[in-house]
Amino acid sequence: MKCPACKKEKPDSEYHKNKRNPRGISSNCKECRSLLRRGKRQEKYNPKRHQKYKYVKKPLQLKAGNTVRELVRMGILIKPKLCEKCGGEANQKDLSGHHFNGYEKAMDVVWLCRLCHADAHRKK
């Protein structure tokens, strides 16, 4: 069979299986299909969609957040059950540490619920 992408005649073993195709194999050979898919993947890749992208420009924020998470895990910092601003009871996952004096002092945090934390960042 002739591959439409590279225009070379290749044996059926050089093609992926495809039940939807009448011949039972893919129209492009394995090599060409790999190149085409890799190209499409690179076109679709958008680093802004990935969560860690924002920390590339803010390494201090990343380090402070990791420090707080590690201290909570070790039991040095205790995560309360109430928001320190509104006093509302929140789920442990919904409380997050807000670095109100900057990210240089990683242990200096106020525990806020999602809404209060969002308000605190909007006011900056």
PDB file of N, CA and C in Angstrom:
ATOM      1  N   MET A   1       0.841  -1.177   0.000  1.00  0.00           N
ATOM      2  CA  MET A   1       0.000   0.000   0.000  1.00  0.00           C
ATOM      3  C   MET A   1       0.887   1.241   0.000  1.00  0.00           C
ATOM      4  N   LYS A   2       0.435   2.294  -0.654  1.00  0.00           N
ATOM      5  CA  LYS A   2       1.196   3.530  -0.762  1.00  0.00           C
ATOM      6  C   LYS A   2       0.702   4.528   0.296  1.00  0.00           C
ATOM      7  N   CYS A   3       1.632   5.079   1.063  1.00  0.00           N
ATOM      8  CA  CYS A   3       1.293   6.065   2.097  1.00  0.00           C
ATOM      9  C   CYS A   3       1.036   7.416   1.417  1.00  0.00           C
ATOM     10  N   PRO A   4      -0.113   8.067   1.690  1.00  0.00           N
ATOM     11  CA  PRO A   4      -0.398   9.351   1.062  1.00  0.00           C
ATOM     12  C   PRO A   4       0.502  10.487   1.559  1.00  0.00           C
ATOM     13  N   ALA A   5       1.096  10.346   2.739  1.00  0.00           N
ATOM     14  CA  ALA A   5       1.926  11.415   3.290  1.00  0.00           C
ATOM     15  C   ALA A   5       3.341  11.403   2.701  1.00  0.00           C
ATOM     16  N   CYS A   6       3.992  10.241   2.719  1.00  0.00           N
ATOM     17  CA  CYS A   6       5.375  10.171   2.226  1.00  0.00           C
ATOM     18  C   CYS A   6       5.471   9.661   0.788  1.00  0.00           C
ATOM     19  N   LYS A   7       4.359   9.176   0.235  1.00  0.00           N
ATOM     20  CA  LYS A   7       4.274   8.694  -1.155  1.00  0.00           C
ATOM     21  C   LYS A   7       5.159   7.482  -1.420  1.00  0.00           C
ATOM     22  N   LYS A   8       5.438   6.679  -0.378  1.00  0.00           N
ATOM     23  CA  LYS A   8       6.268   5.480  -0.536  1.00  0.00           C
ATOM     24  C   LYS A   8       5.397   4.239  -0.437  1.00  0.00           C
ATOM     25  N   GLU A   9       5.763   3.236  -1.209  1.00  0.00           N
ATOM     26  CA  GLU A   9       5.085   1.946  -1.158  1.00  0.00           C
ATOM     27  C   GLU A   9       5.677   1.147   0.001  1.00  0.00           C
ATOM     28  N   LYS A  10       4.805   0.729   0.947  1.00  0.00           N
ATOM     29  CA  LYS A  10       5.271   0.000   2.130  1.00  0.00           C
ATOM     30  C   LYS A  10       4.380  -1.206   2.365  1.00  0.00           C
ATOM     31  N   PRO A  11       4.911  -2.255   3.041  1.00  0.00           N
ATOM     32  CA  PRO A  11       4.095  -3.444   3.346  1.00  0.00           C
ATOM     33  C   PRO A  11       3.076  -3.117   4.448  1.00  0.00           C
ATOM     34  N   ASP A  12       2.040  -3.944   4.547  1.00  0.00           N
ATOM     35  CA  ASP A  12       0.971  -3.721   5.518  1.00  0.00           C
ATOM     36  C   ASP A  12       1.472  -3.727   6.964  1.00  0.00           C
ATOM     37  N   SER A  13       2.586  -4.366   7.235  1.00  0.00           N
ATOM     38  CA  SER A  13       3.125  -4.404   8.594  1.00  0.00           C
ATOM     39  C   SER A  13       3.633  -3.030   9.048  1.00  0.00           C
ATOM     40  N   GLU A  14       3.819  -2.105   8.102  1.00  0.00           N
ATOM     41  CA  GLU A  14       4.299  -0.753   8.415  1.00  0.00           C
ATOM     42  C   GLU A  14       3.157   0.209   8.723  1.00  0.00           C
ATOM     43  N   TYR A  15       1.928  -0.307   8.843  1.00  0.00           N
ATOM     44  CA  TYR A  15       0.748   0.519   9.117  1.00  0.00           C
ATOM     45  C   TYR A  15       0.088   0.046  10.404  1.00  0.00           C
ATOM     46  N   HIS A  16      -0.496   0.997  11.161  1.00  0.00           N
ATOM     47  CA  HIS A  16      -1.247   0.641  12.365  1.00  0.00           C
ATOM     48  C   HIS A  16      -2.561  -0.016  11.973  1.00  0.00           C
ATOM     49  N   LYS A  17      -3.090  -0.868  12.849  1.00  0.00           N
ATOM     50  CA  LYS A  17      -4.388  -1.486  12.612  1.00  0.00           C
ATOM     51  C   LYS A  17      -5.477  -0.434  12.810  1.00  0.00           C
ATOM     52  N   ASN A  18      -6.520  -0.517  11.973  1.00  0.00           N
ATOM     53  CA  ASN A  18      -7.646   0.404  12.069  1.00  0.00           C
ATOM     54  C   ASN A  18      -8.891  -0.328  11.590  1.00  0.00           C
ATOM     55  N   LYS A  19      -9.766  -0.693  12.497  1.00  0.00           N
ATOM     56  CA  LYS A  19     -10.961  -1.462  12.147  1.00  0.00           C
ATOM     57  C   LYS A  19     -11.951  -0.661  11.315  1.00  0.00           C
ATOM     58  N   ARG A  20     -11.908   0.639  11.403  1.00  0.00           N
ATOM     59  CA  ARG A  20     -12.862   1.478  10.663  1.00  0.00           C
ATOM     60  C   ARG A  20     -12.527   1.561   9.170  1.00  0.00           C
ATOM     61  N   ASN A  21     -11.274   1.371   8.857  1.00  0.00           N
ATOM     62  CA  ASN A  21     -10.843   1.413   7.462  1.00  0.00           C
ATOM     63  C   ASN A  21     -11.190   0.076   6.800  1.00  0.00           C
ATOM     64  N   PRO A  22     -11.703   0.079   5.575  1.00  0.00           N
ATOM     65  CA  PRO A  22     -12.079  -1.174   4.906  1.00  0.00           C
ATOM     66  C   PRO A  22     -10.935  -2.196   4.806  1.00  0.00           C
ATOM     67  N   ARG A  23      -9.700  -1.735   4.668  1.00  0.00           N
ATOM     68  CA  ARG A  23      -8.567  -2.662   4.572  1.00  0.00           C
ATOM     69  C   ARG A  23      -8.103  -3.147   5.934  1.00  0.00           C
ATOM     70  N   GLY A  24      -8.581  -2.491   7.001  1.00  0.00           N
ATOM     71  CA  GLY A  24      -8.208  -2.898   8.352  1.00  0.00           C
ATOM     72  C   GLY A  24      -6.915  -2.285   8.854  1.00  0.00           C
ATOM     73  N   ILE A  25      -6.351  -1.353   8.085  1.00  0.00           N
ATOM     74  CA  ILE A  25      -5.125  -0.669   8.507  1.00  0.00           C
ATOM     75  C   ILE A  25      -5.285   0.833   8.298  1.00  0.00           C
ATOM     76  N   SER A  26      -4.454   1.609   8.969  1.00  0.00           N
ATOM     77  CA  SER A  26      -4.479   3.064   8.864  1.00  0.00           C
ATOM     78  C   SER A  26      -4.027   3.498   7.469  1.00  0.00           C
ATOM     79  N   SER A  27      -4.449   4.672   7.043  1.00  0.00           N
ATOM     80  CA  SER A  27      -4.063   5.132   5.705  1.00  0.00           C
ATOM     81  C   SER A  27      -2.614   5.632   5.671  1.00  0.00           C
ATOM     82  N   ASN A  28      -2.146   6.261   6.752  1.00  0.00           N
ATOM     83  CA  ASN A  28      -0.755   6.723   6.819  1.00  0.00           C
ATOM     84  C   ASN A  28       0.109   5.666   7.484  1.00  0.00           C
ATOM     85  N   CYS A  29       1.370   5.562   7.070  1.00  0.00           N
ATOM     86  CA  CYS A  29       2.284   4.599   7.670  1.00  0.00           C
ATOM     87  C   CYS A  29       2.609   5.027   9.107  1.00  0.00           C
ATOM     88  N   LYS A  30       3.168   4.122   9.893  1.00  0.00           N
ATOM     89  CA  LYS A  30       3.469   4.387  11.296  1.00  0.00           C
ATOM     90  C   LYS A  30       4.387   5.601  11.461  1.00  0.00           C
ATOM     91  N   GLU A  31       5.386   5.689  10.625  1.00  0.00           N
ATOM     92  CA  GLU A  31       6.360   6.773  10.719  1.00  0.00           C
ATOM     93  C   GLU A  31       5.708   8.134  10.452  1.00  0.00           C
ATOM     94  N   CYS A  32       4.920   8.219   9.388  1.00  0.00           N
ATOM     95  CA  CYS A  32       4.268   9.481   9.039  1.00  0.00           C
ATOM     96  C   CYS A  32       3.201   9.859  10.062  1.00  0.00           C
ATOM     97  N   ARG A  33       2.464   8.863  10.533  1.00  0.00           N
ATOM     98  CA  ARG A  33       1.426   9.135  11.520  1.00  0.00           C
ATOM     99  C   ARG A  33       2.042   9.679  12.812  1.00  0.00           C
ATOM    100  N   SER A  34       3.174   9.125  13.210  1.00  0.00           N
ATOM    101  CA  SER A  34       3.874   9.590  14.399  1.00  0.00           C
ATOM    102  C   SER A  34       4.293  11.052  14.238  1.00  0.00           C
ATOM    103  N   LEU A  35       4.843  11.381  13.077  1.00  0.00           N
ATOM    104  CA  LEU A  35       5.269  12.762  12.814  1.00  0.00           C
ATOM    105  C   LEU A  35       4.084  13.723  12.792  1.00  0.00           C
ATOM    106  N   LEU A  36       2.981  13.300  12.179  1.00  0.00           N
ATOM    107  CA  LEU A  36       1.791  14.147  12.117  1.00  0.00           C
ATOM    108  C   LEU A  36       1.215  14.389  13.511  1.00  0.00           C
ATOM    109  N   ARG A  37       1.124  13.345  14.315  1.00  0.00           N
ATOM    110  CA  ARG A  37       0.568  13.484  15.664  1.00  0.00           C
ATOM    111  C   ARG A  37       1.467  14.333  16.549  1.00  0.00           C
ATOM    112  N   ARG A  38       2.769  14.177  16.419  1.00  0.00           N
ATOM    113  CA  ARG A  38       3.706  14.980  17.203  1.00  0.00           C
ATOM    114  C   ARG A  38       3.566  16.454  16.845  1.00  0.00           C
ATOM    115  N   GLY A  39       3.413  16.741  15.562  1.00  0.00           N
ATOM    116  CA  GLY A  39       3.229  18.124  15.122  1.00  0.00           C
ATOM    117  C   GLY A  39       1.950  18.733  15.666  1.00  0.00           C
ATOM    118  N   LYS A  40       0.858  17.977  15.643  1.00  0.00           N
ATOM    119  CA  LYS A  40      -0.413  18.476  16.165  1.00  0.00           C
ATOM    120  C   LYS A  40      -0.326  18.695  17.671  1.00  0.00           C
ATOM    121  N   ARG A  41       0.370  17.811  18.383  1.00  0.00           N
ATOM    122  CA  ARG A  41       0.521  17.938  19.827  1.00  0.00           C
ATOM    123  C   ARG A  41       1.274  19.222  20.168  1.00  0.00           C
ATOM    124  N   GLN A  42       2.311  19.532  19.392  1.00  0.00           N
ATOM    125  CA  GLN A  42       3.080  20.748  19.648  1.00  0.00           C
ATOM    126  C   GLN A  42       2.266  21.989  19.319  1.00  0.00           C
ATOM    127  N   GLU A  43       1.391  21.915  18.319  1.00  0.00           N
ATOM    128  CA  GLU A  43       0.537  23.048  17.989  1.00  0.00           C
ATOM    129  C   GLU A  43      -0.472  23.307  19.101  1.00  0.00           C
ATOM    130  N   LYS A  44      -1.018  22.231  19.683  1.00  0.00           N
ATOM    131  CA  LYS A  44      -2.036  22.360  20.725  1.00  0.00           C
ATOM    132  C   LYS A  44      -1.452  22.765  22.070  1.00  0.00           C
ATOM    133  N   TYR A  45      -0.156  22.497  22.305  1.00  0.00           N
ATOM    134  CA  TYR A  45       0.452  22.755  23.604  1.00  0.00           C
ATOM    135  C   TYR A  45       0.421  24.240  23.921  1.00  0.00           C
ATOM    136  N   ASN A  46      -0.144  24.576  25.058  1.00  0.00           N
ATOM    137  CA  ASN A  46      -0.230  25.958  25.504  1.00  0.00           C
ATOM    138  C   ASN A  46       0.246  26.000  26.953  1.00  0.00           C
ATOM    139  N   PRO A  47       1.446  26.528  27.221  1.00  0.00           N
ATOM    140  CA  PRO A  47       1.961  26.493  28.588  1.00  0.00           C
ATOM    141  C   PRO A  47       1.117  27.285  29.581  1.00  0.00           C
ATOM    142  N   LYS A  48       0.345  28.251  29.127  1.00  0.00           N
ATOM    143  CA  LYS A  48      -0.482  29.041  30.032  1.00  0.00           C
ATOM    144  C   LYS A  48      -1.605  28.206  30.632  1.00  0.00           C
ATOM    145  N   ARG A  49      -1.970  27.099  29.976  1.00  0.00           N
ATOM    146  CA  ARG A  49      -3.037  26.244  30.478  1.00  0.00           C
ATOM    147  C   ARG A  49      -2.573  25.408  31.662  1.00  0.00           C
ATOM    148  N   HIS A  50      -1.275  25.251  31.805  1.00  0.00           N
ATOM    149  CA  HIS A  50      -0.754  24.408  32.875  1.00  0.00           C
ATOM    150  C   HIS A  50      -0.603  25.219  34.150  1.00  0.00           C
ATOM    151  N   GLN A  51      -0.971  24.637  35.273  1.00  0.00           N
ATOM    152  CA  GLN A  51      -1.007  25.320  36.557  1.00  0.00           C
ATOM    153  C   GLN A  51       0.364  25.833  36.976  1.00  0.00           C
ATOM    154  N   LYS A  52       1.402  25.089  36.726  1.00  0.00           N
ATOM    155  CA  LYS A  52       2.723  25.479  37.203  1.00  0.00           C
ATOM    156  C   LYS A  52       3.300  26.663  36.442  1.00  0.00           C
ATOM    157  N   TYR A  53       2.701  27.067  35.330  1.00  0.00           N
ATOM    158  CA  TYR A  53       3.224  28.163  34.529  1.00  0.00           C
ATOM    159  C   TYR A  53       3.313  29.454  35.328  1.00  0.00           C
ATOM    160  N   LYS A  54       2.318  29.733  36.180  1.00  0.00           N
ATOM    161  CA  LYS A  54       2.322  30.990  36.911  1.00  0.00           C
ATOM    162  C   LYS A  54       3.474  31.058  37.903  1.00  0.00           C
ATOM    163  N   TYR A  55       3.978  29.914  38.350  1.00  0.00           N
ATOM    164  CA  TYR A  55       5.059  29.919  39.308  1.00  0.00           C
ATOM    165  C   TYR A  55       6.421  30.136  38.652  1.00  0.00           C
ATOM    166  N   VAL A  56       6.504  30.039  37.352  1.00  0.00           N
ATOM    167  CA  VAL A  56       7.767  30.289  36.674  1.00  0.00           C
ATOM    168  C   VAL A  56       8.172  31.738  36.907  1.00  0.00           C
ATOM    169  N   LYS A  57       7.206  32.628  36.901  1.00  0.00           N
ATOM    170  CA  LYS A  57       7.479  34.038  37.116  1.00  0.00           C
ATOM    171  C   LYS A  57       7.456  34.400  38.596  1.00  0.00           C
ATOM    172  N   LYS A  58       6.954  33.499  39.461  1.00  0.00           N
ATOM    173  CA  LYS A  58       6.824  33.788  40.886  1.00  0.00           C
ATOM    174  C   LYS A  58       7.449  32.674  41.719  1.00  0.00           C
ATOM    175  N   PRO A  59       8.771  32.520  41.677  1.00  0.00           N
ATOM    176  CA  PRO A  59       9.398  31.421  42.420  1.00  0.00           C
ATOM    177  C   PRO A  59       9.275  31.585  43.932  1.00  0.00           C
ATOM    178  N   LEU A  60       9.220  32.828  44.421  1.00  0.00           N
ATOM    179  CA  LEU A  60       9.091  33.068  45.853  1.00  0.00           C
ATOM    180  C   LEU A  60       7.730  32.593  46.367  1.00  0.00           C
ATOM    181  N   GLN A  61       6.688  32.813  45.559  1.00  0.00           N
ATOM    182  CA  GLN A  61       5.339  32.358  45.908  1.00  0.00           C
ATOM    183  C   GLN A  61       5.302  30.831  45.974  1.00  0.00           C
ATOM    184  N   LEU A  62       5.919  30.189  45.037  1.00  0.00           N
ATOM    185  CA  LEU A  62       5.966  28.725  45.012  1.00  0.00           C
ATOM    186  C   LEU A  62       6.679  28.179  46.239  1.00  0.00           C
ATOM    187  N   LYS A  63       7.826  28.779  46.571  1.00  0.00           N
ATOM    188  CA  LYS A  63       8.604  28.317  47.720  1.00  0.00           C
ATOM    189  C   LYS A  63       7.828  28.509  49.020  1.00  0.00           C
ATOM    190  N   ALA A  64       7.150  29.644  49.182  1.00  0.00           N
ATOM    191  CA  ALA A  64       6.380  29.915  50.394  1.00  0.00           C
ATOM    192  C   ALA A  64       5.218  28.940  50.531  1.00  0.00           C
ATOM    193  N   GLY A  65       4.509  28.669  49.440  1.00  0.00           N
ATOM    194  CA  GLY A  65       3.394  27.727  49.468  1.00  0.00           C
ATOM    195  C   GLY A  65       3.845  26.320  49.810  1.00  0.00           C
ATOM    196  N   ASN A  66       4.960  25.903  49.230  1.00  0.00           N
ATOM    197  CA  ASN A  66       5.498  24.570  49.517  1.00  0.00           C
ATOM    198  C   ASN A  66       5.937  24.457  50.975  1.00  0.00           C
ATOM    199  N   THR A  67       6.524  25.538  51.516  1.00  0.00           N
ATOM    200  CA  THR A  67       6.962  25.541  52.910  1.00  0.00           C
ATOM    201  C   THR A  67       5.776  25.372  53.845  1.00  0.00           C
ATOM    202  N   VAL A  68       4.695  26.127  53.595  1.00  0.00           N
ATOM    203  CA  VAL A  68       3.498  26.031  54.436  1.00  0.00           C
ATOM    204  C   VAL A  68       2.907  24.623  54.363  1.00  0.00           C
ATOM    205  N   ARG A  69       2.790  24.063  53.168  1.00  0.00           N
ATOM    206  CA  ARG A  69       2.246  22.710  53.020  1.00  0.00           C
ATOM    207  C   ARG A  69       3.086  21.690  53.792  1.00  0.00           C
ATOM    208  N   GLU A  70       4.402  21.831  53.712  1.00  0.00           N
ATOM    209  CA  GLU A  70       5.301  20.896  54.391  1.00  0.00           C
ATOM    210  C   GLU A  70       5.193  21.040  55.912  1.00  0.00           C
ATOM    211  N   LEU A  71       5.101  22.277  56.400  1.00  0.00           N
ATOM    212  CA  LEU A  71       4.990  22.507  57.845  1.00  0.00           C
ATOM    213  C   LEU A  71       3.664  21.978  58.391  1.00  0.00           C
ATOM    214  N   VAL A  72       2.599  22.096  57.626  1.00  0.00           N
ATOM    215  CA  VAL A  72       1.300  21.545  58.036  1.00  0.00           C
ATOM    216  C   VAL A  72       1.384  20.024  58.061  1.00  0.00           C
ATOM    217  N   ARG A  73       2.019  19.449  57.065  1.00  0.00           N
ATOM    218  CA  ARG A  73       2.151  17.998  56.998  1.00  0.00           C
ATOM    219  C   ARG A  73       2.954  17.461  58.176  1.00  0.00           C
ATOM    220  N   MET A  74       4.008  18.192  58.576  1.00  0.00           N
ATOM    221  CA  MET A  74       4.853  17.752  59.692  1.00  0.00           C
ATOM    222  C   MET A  74       4.225  18.055  61.050  1.00  0.00           C
ATOM    223  N   GLY A  75       3.173  18.885  61.081  1.00  0.00           N
ATOM    224  CA  GLY A  75       2.504  19.209  62.337  1.00  0.00           C
ATOM    225  C   GLY A  75       3.054  20.437  63.033  1.00  0.00           C
ATOM    226  N   ILE A  76       3.964  21.173  62.409  1.00  0.00           N
ATOM    227  CA  ILE A  76       4.538  22.379  63.009  1.00  0.00           C
ATOM    228  C   ILE A  76       3.536  23.527  62.930  1.00  0.00           C
ATOM    229  N   LEU A  77       2.888  23.679  61.796  1.00  0.00           N
ATOM    230  CA  LEU A  77       1.797  24.652  61.645  1.00  0.00           C
ATOM    231  C   LEU A  77       0.483  23.893  61.771  1.00  0.00           C
ATOM    232  N   ILE A  78      -0.424  24.419  62.558  1.00  0.00           N
ATOM    233  CA  ILE A  78      -1.727  23.784  62.751  1.00  0.00           C
ATOM    234  C   ILE A  78      -2.764  24.541  61.942  1.00  0.00           C
ATOM    235  N   LYS A  79      -3.488  23.821  61.122  1.00  0.00           N
ATOM    236  CA  LYS A  79      -4.531  24.412  60.294  1.00  0.00           C
ATOM    237  C   LYS A  79      -5.832  24.444  61.106  1.00  0.00           C
ATOM    238  N   PRO A  80      -6.379  25.648  61.353  1.00  0.00           N
ATOM    239  CA  PRO A  80      -7.614  25.709  62.139  1.00  0.00           C
ATOM    240  C   PRO A  80      -8.833  25.265  61.335  1.00  0.00           C
ATOM    241  N   LYS A  81      -9.972  25.183  62.018  1.00  0.00           N
ATOM    242  CA  LYS A  81     -11.200  24.784  61.333  1.00  0.00           C
ATOM    243  C   LYS A  81     -12.050  25.983  60.940  1.00  0.00           C
ATOM    244  N   LEU A  82     -11.685  27.158  61.439  1.00  0.00           N
ATOM    245  CA  LEU A  82     -12.451  28.375  61.160  1.00  0.00           C
ATOM    246  C   LEU A  82     -11.610  29.368  60.379  1.00  0.00           C
ATOM    247  N   CYS A  83     -12.286  30.118  59.528  1.00  0.00           N
ATOM    248  CA  CYS A  83     -11.635  31.206  58.788  1.00  0.00           C
ATOM    249  C   CYS A  83     -11.309  32.311  59.789  1.00  0.00           C
ATOM    250  N   GLU A  84     -10.100  32.849  59.747  1.00  0.00           N
ATOM    251  CA  GLU A  84      -9.678  33.885  60.693  1.00  0.00           C
ATOM    252  C   GLU A  84     -10.295  35.243  60.389  1.00  0.00           C
ATOM    253  N   LYS A  85     -10.836  35.435  59.198  1.00  0.00           N
ATOM    254  CA  LYS A  85     -11.430  36.728  58.845  1.00  0.00           C
ATOM    255  C   LYS A  85     -12.930  36.743  59.124  1.00  0.00           C
ATOM    256  N   CYS A  86     -13.659  35.797  58.560  1.00  0.00           N
ATOM    257  CA  CYS A  86     -15.119  35.803  58.709  1.00  0.00           C
ATOM    258  C   CYS A  86     -15.603  34.890  59.836  1.00  0.00           C
ATOM    259  N   GLY A  87     -14.746  34.005  60.320  1.00  0.00           N
ATOM    260  CA  GLY A  87     -15.119  33.114  61.407  1.00  0.00           C
ATOM    261  C   GLY A  87     -15.995  31.956  60.969  1.00  0.00           C
ATOM    262  N   GLY A  88     -16.218  31.830  59.677  1.00  0.00           N
ATOM    263  CA  GLY A  88     -17.051  30.750  59.160  1.00  0.00           C
ATOM    264  C   GLY A  88     -16.333  29.416  59.204  1.00  0.00           C
ATOM    265  N   GLU A  89     -17.085  28.379  59.505  1.00  0.00           N
ATOM    266  CA  GLU A  89     -16.506  27.045  59.537  1.00  0.00           C
ATOM    267  C   GLU A  89     -16.334  26.561  58.102  1.00  0.00           C
ATOM    268  N   ALA A  90     -15.171  26.044  57.801  1.00  0.00           N
ATOM    269  CA  ALA A  90     -14.884  25.607  56.437  1.00  0.00           C
ATOM    270  C   ALA A  90     -14.264  24.218  56.463  1.00  0.00           C
ATOM    271  N   ASN A  91     -14.383  23.556  55.360  1.00  0.00           N
ATOM    272  CA  ASN A  91     -13.748  22.260  55.179  1.00  0.00           C
ATOM    273  C   ASN A  91     -12.229  22.471  55.197  1.00  0.00           C
ATOM    274  N   GLN A  92     -11.459  21.485  55.636  1.00  0.00           N
ATOM    275  CA  GLN A  92     -10.008  21.633  55.695  1.00  0.00           C
ATOM    276  C   GLN A  92      -9.411  21.939  54.329  1.00  0.00           C
ATOM    277  N   LYS A  93      -9.998  21.397  53.268  1.00  0.00           N
ATOM    278  CA  LYS A  93      -9.484  21.650  51.924  1.00  0.00           C
ATOM    279  C   LYS A  93      -9.772  23.078  51.479  1.00  0.00           C
ATOM    280  N   ASP A  94     -10.830  23.685  52.038  1.00  0.00           N
ATOM    281  CA  ASP A  94     -11.213  25.032  51.619  1.00  0.00           C
ATOM    282  C   ASP A  94     -10.417  26.121  52.324  1.00  0.00           C
ATOM    283  N   LEU A  95      -9.740  25.805  53.406  1.00  0.00           N
ATOM    284  CA  LEU A  95      -8.913  26.788  54.094  1.00  0.00           C
ATOM    285  C   LEU A  95      -7.533  26.816  53.469  1.00  0.00           C
ATOM    286  N   SER A  96      -7.022  28.017  53.256  1.00  0.00           N
ATOM    287  CA  SER A  96      -5.679  28.138  52.694  1.00  0.00           C
ATOM    288  C   SER A  96      -4.940  29.248  53.418  1.00  0.00           C
ATOM    289  N   GLY A  97      -3.633  29.128  53.459  1.00  0.00           N
ATOM    290  CA  GLY A  97      -2.805  30.117  54.140  1.00  0.00           C
ATOM    291  C   GLY A  97      -2.552  31.314  53.243  1.00  0.00           C
ATOM    292  N   HIS A  98      -2.849  32.502  53.776  1.00  0.00           N
ATOM    293  CA  HIS A  98      -2.624  33.742  53.029  1.00  0.00           C
ATOM    294  C   HIS A  98      -1.398  34.434  53.603  1.00  0.00           C
ATOM    295  N   HIS A  99      -0.400  34.692  52.784  1.00  0.00           N
ATOM    296  CA  HIS A  99       0.830  35.359  53.211  1.00  0.00           C
ATOM    297  C   HIS A  99       0.593  36.868  53.163  1.00  0.00           C
ATOM    298  N   PHE A 100       0.069  37.422  54.266  1.00  0.00           N
ATOM    299  CA  PHE A 100      -0.325  38.830  54.270  1.00  0.00           C
ATOM    300  C   PHE A 100       0.855  39.781  54.378  1.00  0.00           C
ATOM    301  N   ASN A 101       2.000  39.339  54.878  1.00  0.00           N
ATOM    302  CA  ASN A 101       3.192  40.194  54.974  1.00  0.00           C
ATOM    303  C   ASN A 101       4.187  39.910  53.865  1.00  0.00           C
ATOM    304  N   GLY A 102       3.765  39.325  52.794  1.00  0.00           N
ATOM    305  CA  GLY A 102       4.669  38.997  51.701  1.00  0.00           C
ATOM    306  C   GLY A 102       5.128  37.552  51.790  1.00  0.00           C
ATOM    307  N   TYR A 103       5.734  37.092  50.739  1.00  0.00           N
ATOM    308  CA  TYR A 103       6.125  35.695  50.641  1.00  0.00           C
ATOM    309  C   TYR A 103       7.491  35.416  51.264  1.00  0.00           C
ATOM    310  N   GLU A 104       8.201  36.464  51.688  1.00  0.00           N
ATOM    311  CA  GLU A 104       9.512  36.259  52.302  1.00  0.00           C
ATOM    312  C   GLU A 104       9.371  35.531  53.640  1.00  0.00           C
ATOM    313  N   LYS A 105       8.288  35.851  54.382  1.00  0.00           N
ATOM    314  CA  LYS A 105       8.040  35.208  55.680  1.00  0.00           C
ATOM    315  C   LYS A 105       7.043  34.070  55.454  1.00  0.00           C
ATOM    316  N   ALA A 106       7.555  32.913  55.121  1.00  0.00           N
ATOM    317  CA  ALA A 106       6.705  31.789  54.710  1.00  0.00           C
ATOM    318  C   ALA A 106       5.783  31.303  55.822  1.00  0.00           C
ATOM    319  N   MET A 107       6.226  31.382  57.078  1.00  0.00           N
ATOM    320  CA  MET A 107       5.410  30.865  58.179  1.00  0.00           C
ATOM    321  C   MET A 107       4.384  31.877  58.684  1.00  0.00           C
ATOM    322  N   ASP A 108       4.466  33.092  58.238  1.00  0.00           N
ATOM    323  CA  ASP A 108       3.567  34.156  58.674  1.00  0.00           C
ATOM    324  C   ASP A 108       2.314  34.147  57.797  1.00  0.00           C
ATOM    325  N   VAL A 109       1.345  33.302  58.152  1.00  0.00           N
ATOM    326  CA  VAL A 109       0.139  33.144  57.339  1.00  0.00           C
ATOM    327  C   VAL A 109      -1.121  33.364  58.176  1.00  0.00           C
ATOM    328  N   VAL A 110      -2.181  33.753  57.492  1.00  0.00           N
ATOM    329  CA  VAL A 110      -3.516  33.851  58.070  1.00  0.00           C
ATOM    330  C   VAL A 110      -4.344  32.816  57.338  1.00  0.00           C
ATOM    331  N   TRP A 111      -5.103  32.005  58.087  1.00  0.00           N
ATOM    332  CA  TRP A 111      -5.901  30.949  57.461  1.00  0.00           C
ATOM    333  C   TRP A 111      -7.246  31.512  57.056  1.00  0.00           C
ATOM    334  N   LEU A 112      -7.521  31.500  55.745  1.00  0.00           N
ATOM    335  CA  LEU A 112      -8.741  32.074  55.193  1.00  0.00           C
ATOM    336  C   LEU A 112      -9.508  31.051  54.363  1.00  0.00           C
ATOM    337  N   CYS A 113     -10.838  31.229  54.331  1.00  0.00           N
ATOM    338  CA  CYS A 113     -11.660  30.393  53.453  1.00  0.00           C
ATOM    339  C   CYS A 113     -11.465  30.880  52.019  1.00  0.00           C
ATOM    340  N   ARG A 114     -12.009  30.184  51.062  1.00  0.00           N
ATOM    341  CA  ARG A 114     -11.817  30.541  49.645  1.00  0.00           C
ATOM    342  C   ARG A 114     -12.284  31.953  49.326  1.00  0.00           C
ATOM    343  N   LEU A 115     -13.473  32.324  49.827  1.00  0.00           N
ATOM    344  CA  LEU A 115     -14.032  33.642  49.517  1.00  0.00           C
ATOM    345  C   LEU A 115     -13.188  34.763  50.108  1.00  0.00           C
ATOM    346  N   CYS A 116     -12.807  34.634  51.379  1.00  0.00           N
ATOM    347  CA  CYS A 116     -11.981  35.661  52.016  1.00  0.00           C
ATOM    348  C   CYS A 116     -10.598  35.740  51.381  1.00  0.00           C
ATOM    349  N   HIS A 117     -10.043  34.604  50.989  1.00  0.00           N
ATOM    350  CA  HIS A 117      -8.728  34.583  50.344  1.00  0.00           C
ATOM    351  C   HIS A 117      -8.791  35.298  48.988  1.00  0.00           C
ATOM    352  N   ALA A 118      -9.863  35.043  48.249  1.00  0.00           N
ATOM    353  CA  ALA A 118     -10.024  35.722  46.955  1.00  0.00           C
ATOM    354  C   ALA A 118     -10.177  37.228  47.161  1.00  0.00           C
ATOM    355  N   ASP A 119     -10.938  37.636  48.181  1.00  0.00           N
ATOM    356  CA  ASP A 119     -11.108  39.065  48.489  1.00  0.00           C
ATOM    357  C   ASP A 119      -9.766  39.702  48.851  1.00  0.00           C
ATOM    358  N   ALA A 120      -8.980  39.006  49.635  1.00  0.00           N
ATOM    359  CA  ALA A 120      -7.669  39.535  50.067  1.00  0.00           C
ATOM    360  C   ALA A 120      -6.767  39.764  48.856  1.00  0.00           C
ATOM    361  N   HIS A 121      -6.804  38.884  47.885  1.00  0.00           N
ATOM    362  CA  HIS A 121      -5.957  39.061  46.695  1.00  0.00           C
ATOM    363  C   HIS A 121      -6.515  40.134  45.760  1.00  0.00           C
ATOM    364  N   ARG A 122      -7.829  40.308  45.736  1.00  0.00           N
ATOM    365  CA  ARG A 122      -8.414  41.364  44.904  1.00  0.00           C
ATOM    366  C   ARG A 122      -8.080  42.748  45.425  1.00  0.00           C
ATOM    367  N   LYS A 123      -7.940  42.879  46.733  1.00  0.00           N
ATOM    368  CA  LYS A 123      -7.678  44.193  47.346  1.00  0.00           C
ATOM    369  C   LYS A 123      -6.248  44.650  47.147  1.00  0.00           C
ATOM    370  N   LYS A 124      -5.335  43.743  46.812  1.00  0.00           N
ATOM    371  CA  LYS A 124      -3.928  44.115  46.620  1.00  0.00           C
ATOM    372  C   LYS A 124      -3.743  45.022  45.436  1.00  0.00           C
TER     373      LYS A 124
END
